[in-house]
């Protein structure tokens, strides 16, 4: 009987040690996992927050559609200065208050800065107004707040089959008024000839 009691005491002592060892093992394992989770959550990511394909974005003001952007791929970066990038370009169609298309702008690349309201269109930019006026450049910037387009790179403008060139450009958002810097080209004038 004494051997039986000693055996039970040894078994109880071993069981207590195993339970204590498992408890210590679990406690240290949880401590490491929590530290790892904290380390990972504090890391800043440089990857896009969102990647979307086949995107159509509608811009409206007071429930009136002003523009529509379609793009094959859109990246959304959620940083201190958030922005959308369109690495494969896109097509921007602008409308008047009756939802009649007034112009369209396409490019091979674009980036839209959320905080400033600036959209930069780059590479093979072509803007076409409903009446046929066409602007071509490697850059066209849309300032939504100022409601205007501009470019600091050379531009080509075609109006009524007459082509003119300039070193820079700005226009009202609807292209109803524009200015070209250092404009050149061949122009035909209708009216009395006085030369």
N, C-alpha and C. Protein backbone atom coordinates (compact mmCIF):
# COMPACT_ATOMS: atom_id res chain seq x y z
N UNK A 1 0.81 -1.18 0.00
CA UNK A 1 0.00 0.00 0.00
C UNK A 1 0.86 1.25 0.00
N UNK A 2 1.96 1.25 0.69
CA UNK A 2 2.86 2.40 0.69
C UNK A 2 3.42 2.64 -0.71
N UNK A 3 3.71 1.62 -1.44
CA UNK A 3 4.23 1.76 -2.81
C UNK A 3 3.19 2.39 -3.71
N UNK A 4 1.95 2.03 -3.45
CA UNK A 4 0.85 2.58 -4.23
C UNK A 4 0.71 4.09 -3.98
N UNK A 5 0.86 4.53 -2.75
CA UNK A 5 0.76 5.95 -2.39
C UNK A 5 1.94 6.70 -2.98
N UNK A 6 3.12 6.14 -2.90
CA UNK A 6 4.31 6.78 -3.46
C UNK A 6 4.15 6.92 -4.97
N UNK A 7 3.61 5.89 -5.62
CA UNK A 7 3.39 5.92 -7.06
C UNK A 7 2.41 7.04 -7.42
N UNK A 8 1.32 7.19 -6.63
CA UNK A 8 0.34 8.24 -6.88
C UNK A 8 0.96 9.63 -6.68
N UNK A 9 1.78 9.81 -5.66
CA UNK A 9 2.43 11.09 -5.39
C UNK A 9 3.36 11.43 -6.54
N UNK A 10 4.15 10.45 -7.02
CA UNK A 10 5.06 10.69 -8.15
C UNK A 10 4.26 11.03 -9.42
N UNK A 11 3.18 10.31 -9.65
CA UNK A 11 2.33 10.56 -10.82
C UNK A 11 1.70 11.94 -10.73
N UNK A 12 1.23 12.34 -9.58
CA UNK A 12 0.66 13.65 -9.37
C UNK A 12 1.71 14.74 -9.57
N UNK A 13 2.91 14.53 -9.07
CA UNK A 13 4.01 15.48 -9.23
C UNK A 13 4.39 15.62 -10.69
N UNK A 14 4.45 14.54 -11.42
CA UNK A 14 4.79 14.56 -12.85
C UNK A 14 3.67 15.27 -13.61
N UNK A 15 2.41 15.00 -13.30
CA UNK A 15 1.28 15.64 -13.97
C UNK A 15 1.30 17.14 -13.75
N UNK A 16 1.61 17.58 -12.53
CA UNK A 16 1.70 19.01 -12.23
C UNK A 16 2.81 19.65 -13.05
N UNK A 17 3.94 18.96 -13.17
CA UNK A 17 5.05 19.50 -13.95
C UNK A 17 4.69 19.61 -15.44
N UNK A 18 4.02 18.63 -15.98
CA UNK A 18 3.62 18.65 -17.39
C UNK A 18 2.63 19.78 -17.64
N UNK A 19 1.65 19.93 -16.77
CA UNK A 19 0.67 21.00 -16.92
C UNK A 19 1.37 22.35 -16.83
N UNK A 20 2.28 22.52 -15.87
CA UNK A 20 3.03 23.77 -15.73
C UNK A 20 3.86 24.04 -16.99
N UNK A 21 4.52 23.03 -17.53
CA UNK A 21 5.33 23.17 -18.75
C UNK A 21 4.45 23.58 -19.94
N UNK A 22 3.29 22.96 -20.10
CA UNK A 22 2.38 23.30 -21.19
C UNK A 22 1.89 24.75 -21.03
N UNK A 23 1.56 25.13 -19.79
CA UNK A 23 1.12 26.49 -19.52
C UNK A 23 2.20 27.51 -19.91
N UNK A 24 3.45 27.25 -19.51
CA UNK A 24 4.56 28.14 -19.86
C UNK A 24 4.75 28.18 -21.37
N UNK A 25 4.67 27.05 -22.02
CA UNK A 25 4.83 26.97 -23.47
C UNK A 25 3.74 27.79 -24.18
N UNK A 26 2.49 27.63 -23.75
CA UNK A 26 1.40 28.38 -24.35
C UNK A 26 1.54 29.88 -24.09
N UNK A 27 1.92 30.23 -22.89
CA UNK A 27 2.07 31.64 -22.54
C UNK A 27 3.15 32.31 -23.38
N UNK A 28 4.27 31.67 -23.55
CA UNK A 28 5.35 32.27 -24.34
C UNK A 28 4.99 32.26 -25.83
N UNK A 29 4.27 31.24 -26.28
CA UNK A 29 3.85 31.20 -27.68
C UNK A 29 2.88 32.33 -27.97
N UNK A 30 1.93 32.60 -27.10
CA UNK A 30 0.99 33.69 -27.28
C UNK A 30 1.72 35.03 -27.24
N UNK A 31 2.67 35.16 -26.37
CA UNK A 31 3.44 36.39 -26.27
C UNK A 31 4.15 36.67 -27.59
N UNK A 32 4.75 35.67 -28.18
CA UNK A 32 5.45 35.86 -29.45
C UNK A 32 4.47 36.19 -30.57
N UNK A 33 3.32 35.52 -30.62
CA UNK A 33 2.34 35.79 -31.66
C UNK A 33 1.80 37.21 -31.55
N UNK A 34 1.51 37.67 -30.34
CA UNK A 34 1.02 39.03 -30.16
C UNK A 34 2.06 40.06 -30.58
N UNK A 35 3.31 39.81 -30.27
CA UNK A 35 4.37 40.73 -30.70
C UNK A 35 4.48 40.74 -32.22
N UNK A 36 4.36 39.59 -32.84
CA UNK A 36 4.44 39.51 -34.29
C UNK A 36 3.26 40.24 -34.94
N UNK A 37 2.06 40.06 -34.38
CA UNK A 37 0.87 40.74 -34.91
C UNK A 37 1.05 42.26 -34.78
N UNK A 38 1.53 42.72 -33.65
CA UNK A 38 1.76 44.15 -33.45
C UNK A 38 2.80 44.69 -34.44
N UNK A 39 3.87 43.93 -34.65
CA UNK A 39 4.91 44.36 -35.58
C UNK A 39 4.36 44.47 -37.00
N UNK A 40 3.60 43.50 -37.43
CA UNK A 40 3.05 43.49 -38.78
C UNK A 40 2.02 44.62 -38.95
N UNK A 41 1.18 44.83 -37.94
CA UNK A 41 0.15 45.87 -38.06
C UNK A 41 0.75 47.27 -38.07
N UNK A 42 1.91 47.46 -37.49
CA UNK A 42 2.55 48.78 -37.48
C UNK A 42 3.33 49.08 -38.75
N UNK A 43 3.53 48.09 -39.60
CA UNK A 43 4.25 48.31 -40.85
C UNK A 43 3.38 49.10 -41.81
N UNK A 44 3.99 50.04 -42.51
CA UNK A 44 3.29 50.78 -43.57
C UNK A 44 3.44 49.99 -44.86
N UNK A 45 2.35 49.82 -45.56
CA UNK A 45 2.40 49.09 -46.81
C UNK A 45 2.57 50.06 -47.98
N UNK A 46 3.31 49.66 -48.97
CA UNK A 46 3.48 50.48 -50.16
C UNK A 46 2.69 49.92 -51.33
N UNK A 47 1.98 48.84 -51.09
CA UNK A 47 1.20 48.22 -52.14
C UNK A 47 -0.14 48.93 -52.28
N UNK A 48 -0.76 48.86 -53.46
CA UNK A 48 -2.08 49.47 -53.62
C UNK A 48 -3.08 48.85 -52.66
N UNK A 49 -3.95 49.68 -52.15
CA UNK A 49 -5.00 49.19 -51.27
C UNK A 49 -6.03 48.41 -52.10
N UNK A 50 -6.28 48.89 -53.31
CA UNK A 50 -7.33 48.28 -54.13
C UNK A 50 -6.90 48.27 -55.59
N UNK A 51 -7.10 47.15 -56.25
CA UNK A 51 -6.87 47.04 -57.69
C UNK A 51 -8.20 46.62 -58.32
N UNK A 52 -8.67 47.41 -59.27
CA UNK A 52 -9.94 47.13 -59.91
C UNK A 52 -9.75 47.03 -61.42
N UNK A 53 -10.54 46.19 -62.05
CA UNK A 53 -10.47 45.98 -63.49
C UNK A 53 -11.82 46.31 -64.11
N UNK A 54 -11.80 46.85 -65.33
CA UNK A 54 -13.04 47.16 -66.04
C UNK A 54 -13.88 48.18 -65.29
N UNK A 55 -13.28 49.33 -64.96
CA UNK A 55 -13.91 50.31 -64.08
C UNK A 55 -14.67 51.36 -64.88
N UNK A 56 -15.82 51.77 -64.35
CA UNK A 56 -16.59 52.91 -64.87
C UNK A 56 -16.92 53.79 -63.68
N UNK A 57 -16.43 55.04 -63.69
CA UNK A 57 -16.66 55.99 -62.60
C UNK A 57 -17.53 57.12 -63.13
N UNK A 58 -18.59 57.45 -62.40
CA UNK A 58 -19.49 58.54 -62.77
C UNK A 58 -19.22 59.72 -61.84
N UNK A 59 -18.93 60.89 -62.40
CA UNK A 59 -18.75 62.12 -61.63
C UNK A 59 -20.04 62.92 -61.73
N UNK A 60 -20.59 63.31 -60.58
CA UNK A 60 -21.83 64.08 -60.60
C UNK A 60 -21.74 65.23 -59.61
N UNK A 61 -22.60 66.22 -59.83
CA UNK A 61 -22.71 67.36 -58.94
C UNK A 61 -24.19 67.67 -58.79
N UNK A 62 -24.68 67.62 -57.57
CA UNK A 62 -26.10 67.86 -57.29
C UNK A 62 -26.98 66.93 -58.13
N UNK A 63 -26.61 65.66 -58.18
CA UNK A 63 -27.34 64.60 -58.89
C UNK A 63 -27.35 64.78 -60.40
N UNK A 64 -26.49 65.65 -60.94
CA UNK A 64 -26.38 65.83 -62.39
C UNK A 64 -25.04 65.24 -62.82
N UNK A 65 -25.09 64.29 -63.75
CA UNK A 65 -23.88 63.64 -64.23
C UNK A 65 -23.06 64.64 -65.03
N UNK A 66 -21.80 64.81 -64.62
CA UNK A 66 -20.89 65.75 -65.28
C UNK A 66 -19.90 65.04 -66.18
N UNK A 67 -19.48 63.84 -65.77
CA UNK A 67 -18.47 63.12 -66.53
C UNK A 67 -18.52 61.64 -66.21
N UNK A 68 -17.93 60.86 -67.11
CA UNK A 68 -17.83 59.41 -66.91
C UNK A 68 -16.44 58.97 -67.34
N UNK A 69 -15.80 58.22 -66.47
CA UNK A 69 -14.46 57.71 -66.76
C UNK A 69 -14.53 56.19 -66.87
N UNK A 70 -13.98 55.65 -67.95
CA UNK A 70 -13.87 54.20 -68.09
C UNK A 70 -12.39 53.87 -68.25
N UNK A 71 -11.98 52.79 -67.61
CA UNK A 71 -10.58 52.39 -67.66
C UNK A 71 -10.48 50.88 -67.49
N UNK A 72 -9.51 50.24 -68.12
CA UNK A 72 -9.35 48.80 -67.94
C UNK A 72 -8.79 48.43 -66.57
N UNK A 73 -8.01 49.34 -65.95
CA UNK A 73 -7.37 48.99 -64.67
C UNK A 73 -7.21 50.26 -63.83
N UNK A 74 -7.60 50.16 -62.54
CA UNK A 74 -7.46 51.29 -61.63
C UNK A 74 -6.81 50.82 -60.33
N UNK A 75 -5.81 51.58 -59.89
CA UNK A 75 -5.15 51.30 -58.62
C UNK A 75 -5.50 52.43 -57.65
N UNK A 76 -5.92 52.08 -56.44
CA UNK A 76 -6.24 53.08 -55.42
C UNK A 76 -5.20 53.01 -54.33
N UNK A 77 -4.46 54.10 -54.11
CA UNK A 77 -3.44 54.17 -53.07
C UNK A 77 -3.99 55.00 -51.92
N UNK A 78 -4.13 54.38 -50.76
CA UNK A 78 -4.66 55.08 -49.59
C UNK A 78 -3.49 55.52 -48.72
N UNK A 79 -2.92 56.68 -49.04
CA UNK A 79 -1.78 57.23 -48.32
C UNK A 79 -2.22 58.55 -47.68
N UNK A 80 -1.26 59.28 -47.13
CA UNK A 80 -1.59 60.60 -46.58
C UNK A 80 -2.12 61.52 -47.68
N UNK A 81 -1.65 61.33 -48.89
CA UNK A 81 -2.13 62.06 -50.05
C UNK A 81 -2.71 61.03 -51.03
N UNK A 82 -3.95 60.57 -50.80
CA UNK A 82 -4.50 59.47 -51.60
C UNK A 82 -4.64 59.82 -53.07
N UNK A 83 -4.48 58.79 -53.90
CA UNK A 83 -4.61 59.00 -55.34
C UNK A 83 -5.04 57.71 -56.02
N UNK A 84 -5.55 57.89 -57.24
CA UNK A 84 -5.92 56.79 -58.12
C UNK A 84 -4.98 56.82 -59.31
N UNK A 85 -4.50 55.66 -59.70
CA UNK A 85 -3.62 55.57 -60.86
C UNK A 85 -4.29 54.68 -61.90
N UNK A 86 -4.21 55.10 -63.15
CA UNK A 86 -4.78 54.37 -64.27
C UNK A 86 -3.64 54.00 -65.22
N UNK A 87 -2.92 52.91 -64.94
CA UNK A 87 -1.70 52.58 -65.70
C UNK A 87 -1.96 52.23 -67.15
N UNK A 88 -3.18 51.86 -67.49
CA UNK A 88 -3.50 51.53 -68.88
C UNK A 88 -4.36 52.62 -69.52
N UNK A 89 -4.40 53.78 -68.88
CA UNK A 89 -5.14 54.91 -69.43
C UNK A 89 -6.63 54.76 -69.28
N UNK A 90 -7.34 55.57 -70.06
CA UNK A 90 -8.79 55.51 -69.98
C UNK A 90 -9.43 56.54 -70.88
N UNK A 91 -10.74 56.62 -70.79
CA UNK A 91 -11.55 57.54 -71.58
C UNK A 91 -12.43 58.33 -70.63
N UNK A 92 -12.35 59.67 -70.70
CA UNK A 92 -13.17 60.56 -69.90
C UNK A 92 -14.15 61.25 -70.84
N UNK A 93 -15.45 61.08 -70.60
CA UNK A 93 -16.49 61.72 -71.40
C UNK A 93 -17.16 62.76 -70.51
N UNK A 94 -17.26 63.99 -71.00
CA UNK A 94 -17.87 65.07 -70.22
C UNK A 94 -19.23 65.42 -70.83
N UNK A 95 -20.18 65.78 -69.94
CA UNK A 95 -21.55 66.05 -70.35
C UNK A 95 -21.99 67.44 -69.90
N UNK A 96 -22.98 68.00 -70.62
CA UNK A 96 -23.59 69.24 -70.17
C UNK A 96 -24.76 68.91 -69.25
N UNK A 97 -25.53 69.90 -68.86
CA UNK A 97 -26.61 69.69 -67.88
C UNK A 97 -27.74 68.81 -68.43
N UNK A 98 -27.84 68.66 -69.76
CA UNK A 98 -28.87 67.80 -70.34
C UNK A 98 -28.35 66.39 -70.63
N UNK A 99 -27.15 66.11 -70.17
CA UNK A 99 -26.44 64.84 -70.35
C UNK A 99 -26.08 64.58 -71.81
N UNK A 100 -25.87 65.68 -72.55
CA UNK A 100 -25.39 65.59 -73.91
C UNK A 100 -23.87 65.64 -73.87
N UNK A 101 -23.23 64.73 -74.59
CA UNK A 101 -21.76 64.70 -74.59
C UNK A 101 -21.20 65.97 -75.20
N UNK A 102 -20.29 66.61 -74.46
CA UNK A 102 -19.66 67.83 -74.95
C UNK A 102 -18.24 67.58 -75.43
N UNK A 103 -17.54 66.68 -74.78
CA UNK A 103 -16.19 66.33 -75.22
C UNK A 103 -15.76 65.01 -74.59
N UNK A 104 -14.71 64.47 -75.17
CA UNK A 104 -14.11 63.26 -74.64
C UNK A 104 -12.60 63.39 -74.68
N UNK A 105 -11.97 62.82 -73.66
CA UNK A 105 -10.52 62.87 -73.54
C UNK A 105 -10.03 61.46 -73.28
N UNK A 106 -9.03 61.02 -74.04
CA UNK A 106 -8.46 59.70 -73.80
C UNK A 106 -6.95 59.82 -73.68
N UNK A 107 -6.37 58.89 -72.94
CA UNK A 107 -4.91 58.87 -72.76
C UNK A 107 -4.47 57.45 -72.45
N UNK A 108 -3.16 57.23 -72.53
CA UNK A 108 -2.61 55.91 -72.23
C UNK A 108 -2.25 55.74 -70.76
N UNK A 109 -2.26 56.85 -70.00
CA UNK A 109 -1.93 56.80 -68.57
C UNK A 109 -2.60 57.99 -67.90
N UNK A 110 -3.03 57.81 -66.65
CA UNK A 110 -3.60 58.93 -65.89
C UNK A 110 -3.40 58.69 -64.40
N UNK A 111 -3.37 59.80 -63.66
CA UNK A 111 -3.30 59.76 -62.20
C UNK A 111 -4.19 60.87 -61.66
N UNK A 112 -5.02 60.53 -60.68
CA UNK A 112 -5.95 61.49 -60.10
C UNK A 112 -5.61 61.68 -58.63
N UNK A 113 -5.29 62.91 -58.24
CA UNK A 113 -4.97 63.25 -56.86
C UNK A 113 -6.25 63.68 -56.15
N UNK A 114 -6.63 62.96 -55.12
CA UNK A 114 -7.91 63.18 -54.45
C UNK A 114 -7.95 64.53 -53.75
N UNK A 115 -6.93 64.86 -52.96
CA UNK A 115 -6.95 66.07 -52.14
C UNK A 115 -6.91 67.36 -52.95
N UNK A 116 -6.24 67.35 -54.09
CA UNK A 116 -6.10 68.57 -54.89
C UNK A 116 -7.12 68.68 -56.02
N UNK A 117 -7.77 67.58 -56.38
CA UNK A 117 -8.71 67.61 -57.50
C UNK A 117 -8.01 67.71 -58.85
N UNK A 118 -6.75 67.30 -58.90
CA UNK A 118 -5.97 67.36 -60.14
C UNK A 118 -5.90 65.97 -60.76
N UNK A 119 -6.23 65.89 -62.04
CA UNK A 119 -6.07 64.67 -62.80
C UNK A 119 -5.07 64.92 -63.92
N UNK A 120 -4.00 64.13 -63.94
CA UNK A 120 -2.97 64.27 -64.98
C UNK A 120 -3.16 63.15 -66.00
N UNK A 121 -3.37 63.54 -67.24
CA UNK A 121 -3.48 62.59 -68.34
C UNK A 121 -2.18 62.66 -69.11
N UNK A 122 -1.58 61.51 -69.40
CA UNK A 122 -0.28 61.49 -70.05
C UNK A 122 -0.25 60.42 -71.15
N UNK A 123 0.65 60.60 -72.08
CA UNK A 123 0.92 59.67 -73.19
C UNK A 123 -0.25 59.59 -74.16
N UNK A 124 -0.02 60.09 -75.35
CA UNK A 124 -1.01 60.02 -76.44
C UNK A 124 -2.37 60.58 -76.01
N UNK A 125 -2.38 61.77 -75.44
CA UNK A 125 -3.62 62.39 -75.00
C UNK A 125 -4.32 63.00 -76.21
N UNK A 126 -5.61 62.67 -76.36
CA UNK A 126 -6.43 63.24 -77.42
C UNK A 126 -7.74 63.70 -76.80
N UNK A 127 -8.02 65.00 -76.94
CA UNK A 127 -9.28 65.57 -76.47
C UNK A 127 -10.07 66.01 -77.68
N UNK A 128 -11.33 65.59 -77.76
CA UNK A 128 -12.18 65.93 -78.91
C UNK A 128 -13.47 66.56 -78.41
N UNK A 129 -13.77 67.74 -78.91
CA UNK A 129 -15.01 68.43 -78.56
C UNK A 129 -16.11 67.94 -79.50
N UNK A 130 -17.36 68.10 -79.11
CA UNK A 130 -18.50 67.62 -79.90
C UNK A 130 -18.53 68.25 -81.30
N UNK A 131 -18.04 69.48 -81.44
CA UNK A 131 -18.06 70.12 -82.76
C UNK A 131 -16.87 69.72 -83.64
N UNK A 132 -16.01 68.81 -83.16
CA UNK A 132 -14.92 68.30 -83.96
C UNK A 132 -13.55 68.86 -83.61
N UNK A 133 -13.47 69.93 -82.82
CA UNK A 133 -12.15 70.45 -82.43
C UNK A 133 -11.39 69.35 -81.69
N UNK A 134 -10.11 69.17 -82.06
CA UNK A 134 -9.30 68.10 -81.47
C UNK A 134 -8.00 68.69 -80.94
N UNK A 135 -7.62 68.27 -79.76
CA UNK A 135 -6.35 68.65 -79.16
C UNK A 135 -5.54 67.39 -78.95
N UNK A 136 -4.24 67.45 -79.29
CA UNK A 136 -3.34 66.32 -79.07
C UNK A 136 -2.11 66.81 -78.32
N UNK A 137 -1.67 66.01 -77.35
CA UNK A 137 -0.49 66.35 -76.57
C UNK A 137 -0.01 65.11 -75.83
N UNK A 138 1.13 65.21 -75.20
CA UNK A 138 1.63 64.13 -74.34
C UNK A 138 1.22 64.37 -72.89
N UNK A 139 0.56 65.51 -72.64
CA UNK A 139 0.12 65.83 -71.28
C UNK A 139 -1.11 66.72 -71.36
N UNK A 140 -2.07 66.45 -70.50
CA UNK A 140 -3.21 67.34 -70.33
C UNK A 140 -3.64 67.20 -68.87
N UNK A 141 -3.71 68.32 -68.17
CA UNK A 141 -4.04 68.29 -66.75
C UNK A 141 -5.42 68.90 -66.56
N UNK A 142 -6.26 68.21 -65.80
CA UNK A 142 -7.62 68.67 -65.52
C UNK A 142 -7.67 69.11 -64.07
N UNK A 143 -7.95 70.37 -63.84
CA UNK A 143 -8.10 70.91 -62.49
C UNK A 143 -9.60 71.04 -62.22
N UNK A 144 -10.16 70.11 -61.46
CA UNK A 144 -11.60 70.09 -61.19
C UNK A 144 -12.04 71.32 -60.42
N UNK A 145 -11.21 71.81 -59.51
CA UNK A 145 -11.58 72.97 -58.70
C UNK A 145 -11.61 74.26 -59.52
N UNK A 146 -10.63 74.43 -60.40
CA UNK A 146 -10.56 75.62 -61.25
C UNK A 146 -11.40 75.47 -62.51
N UNK A 147 -11.89 74.25 -62.75
CA UNK A 147 -12.70 73.93 -63.94
C UNK A 147 -11.98 74.32 -65.23
N UNK A 148 -10.75 73.79 -65.35
CA UNK A 148 -9.98 74.08 -66.56
C UNK A 148 -9.02 72.95 -66.87
N UNK A 149 -8.62 72.90 -68.13
CA UNK A 149 -7.58 72.00 -68.61
C UNK A 149 -6.35 72.83 -68.94
N UNK A 150 -5.17 72.24 -68.79
CA UNK A 150 -3.96 72.92 -69.24
C UNK A 150 -2.87 71.91 -69.53
N UNK A 151 -1.85 72.37 -70.28
CA UNK A 151 -0.71 71.54 -70.60
C UNK A 151 0.52 72.43 -70.70
N UNK A 152 1.62 71.94 -70.16
CA UNK A 152 2.89 72.66 -70.25
C UNK A 152 3.81 72.02 -71.29
N UNK A 153 3.28 71.11 -72.07
CA UNK A 153 4.02 70.46 -73.15
C UNK A 153 3.44 70.90 -74.48
N UNK A 154 4.17 70.70 -75.57
CA UNK A 154 3.65 71.09 -76.89
C UNK A 154 2.29 70.45 -77.18
N UNK A 155 1.45 71.24 -77.86
CA UNK A 155 0.10 70.79 -78.21
C UNK A 155 -0.15 71.01 -79.70
N UNK A 156 -1.05 70.20 -80.22
CA UNK A 156 -1.55 70.35 -81.59
C UNK A 156 -3.05 70.49 -81.49
N UNK A 157 -3.60 71.52 -82.15
CA UNK A 157 -5.05 71.72 -82.14
C UNK A 157 -5.53 71.76 -83.58
N UNK A 158 -6.60 71.00 -83.83
CA UNK A 158 -7.18 70.94 -85.17
C UNK A 158 -8.61 71.48 -85.08
N UNK A 159 -8.87 72.57 -85.83
CA UNK A 159 -10.21 73.17 -85.88
C UNK A 159 -10.56 73.39 -87.34
N UNK A 160 -11.67 72.82 -87.78
CA UNK A 160 -12.11 72.96 -89.17
C UNK A 160 -11.00 72.65 -90.17
N UNK A 161 -10.33 71.55 -89.98
CA UNK A 161 -9.25 71.08 -90.84
C UNK A 161 -8.04 72.01 -90.87
N UNK A 162 -7.93 72.94 -89.95
CA UNK A 162 -6.75 73.79 -89.84
C UNK A 162 -5.99 73.37 -88.58
N UNK A 163 -4.70 73.16 -88.74
CA UNK A 163 -3.88 72.68 -87.64
C UNK A 163 -2.98 73.79 -87.13
N UNK A 164 -2.96 73.94 -85.82
CA UNK A 164 -2.04 74.89 -85.21
C UNK A 164 -1.28 74.19 -84.09
N UNK A 165 -0.12 74.75 -83.77
CA UNK A 165 0.77 74.15 -82.79
C UNK A 165 1.11 75.20 -81.73
N UNK A 166 1.41 74.73 -80.53
CA UNK A 166 1.81 75.65 -79.48
C UNK A 166 2.71 74.96 -78.47
N UNK A 167 3.39 75.78 -77.65
CA UNK A 167 4.31 75.22 -76.65
C UNK A 167 3.61 74.89 -75.34
N UNK A 168 2.45 75.50 -75.09
CA UNK A 168 1.64 75.18 -73.92
C UNK A 168 0.21 75.62 -74.20
N UNK A 169 -0.70 75.34 -73.26
CA UNK A 169 -2.11 75.49 -73.56
C UNK A 169 -2.91 75.56 -72.27
N UNK A 170 -4.00 76.30 -72.25
CA UNK A 170 -5.00 76.19 -71.19
C UNK A 170 -6.37 76.46 -71.78
N UNK A 171 -7.41 75.88 -71.16
CA UNK A 171 -8.77 76.04 -71.67
C UNK A 171 -9.77 75.93 -70.53
N UNK A 172 -10.93 76.57 -70.74
CA UNK A 172 -12.03 76.33 -69.81
C UNK A 172 -12.40 74.85 -69.88
N UNK A 173 -13.03 74.37 -68.85
CA UNK A 173 -13.37 72.95 -68.76
C UNK A 173 -14.17 72.45 -69.97
N UNK A 174 -15.02 73.30 -70.52
CA UNK A 174 -15.83 72.88 -71.68
C UNK A 174 -15.16 73.22 -73.01
N UNK A 175 -13.90 73.69 -72.98
CA UNK A 175 -13.12 74.06 -74.16
C UNK A 175 -13.79 75.19 -74.97
N UNK A 176 -14.70 75.93 -74.37
CA UNK A 176 -15.35 77.04 -75.09
C UNK A 176 -14.40 78.21 -75.28
N UNK A 177 -13.37 78.29 -74.45
CA UNK A 177 -12.35 79.32 -74.58
C UNK A 177 -11.01 78.67 -74.29
N UNK A 178 -10.01 78.99 -75.11
CA UNK A 178 -8.68 78.43 -74.85
C UNK A 178 -7.62 79.40 -75.34
N UNK A 179 -6.42 79.24 -74.80
CA UNK A 179 -5.27 80.03 -75.21
C UNK A 179 -4.11 79.09 -75.47
N UNK A 180 -3.36 79.39 -76.54
CA UNK A 180 -2.18 78.61 -76.91
C UNK A 180 -0.98 79.54 -76.85
N UNK A 181 0.09 79.09 -76.22
CA UNK A 181 1.32 79.88 -76.16
C UNK A 181 2.18 79.58 -77.37
N UNK A 182 2.75 80.64 -77.97
CA UNK A 182 3.64 80.52 -79.15
C UNK A 182 2.97 79.73 -80.27
N UNK A 183 1.78 80.14 -80.64
CA UNK A 183 1.00 79.44 -81.66
C UNK A 183 1.59 79.63 -83.04
N UNK A 184 1.69 78.53 -83.78
CA UNK A 184 2.11 78.57 -85.19
C UNK A 184 1.18 77.69 -85.99
N UNK A 185 1.19 77.86 -87.32
CA UNK A 185 0.37 77.02 -88.18
C UNK A 185 -0.01 77.77 -89.45
N UNK A 186 -0.66 77.09 -90.36
CA UNK A 186 -1.17 77.70 -91.58
C UNK A 186 -2.66 77.96 -91.38
N UNK A 187 -3.06 79.21 -91.62
CA UNK A 187 -4.44 79.58 -91.35
C UNK A 187 -5.08 80.17 -92.60
N UNK A 188 -6.34 79.83 -92.82
CA UNK A 188 -7.11 80.41 -93.91
C UNK A 188 -8.10 81.39 -93.30
N UNK A 189 -8.16 82.57 -93.89
CA UNK A 189 -9.10 83.58 -93.41
C UNK A 189 -10.14 83.81 -94.49
N UNK A 190 -11.39 83.79 -94.09
CA UNK A 190 -12.47 84.10 -95.02
C UNK A 190 -12.80 85.58 -94.91
N UNK A 191 -13.09 86.21 -96.00
CA UNK A 191 -13.42 87.63 -95.97
C UNK A 191 -12.66 88.36 -97.05
N UNK A 192 -12.78 89.67 -97.04
CA UNK A 192 -12.09 90.45 -98.08
C UNK A 192 -10.59 90.34 -97.98
N UNK A 193 -9.95 90.24 -99.14
CA UNK A 193 -8.49 90.16 -99.17
C UNK A 193 -7.95 91.59 -99.26
N UNK A 194 -7.12 91.94 -98.34
CA UNK A 194 -6.62 93.32 -98.31
C UNK A 194 -5.12 93.38 -98.55
N UNK A 195 -4.49 92.32 -98.82
CA UNK A 195 -3.03 92.36 -98.99
C UNK A 195 -2.69 92.39 -100.45
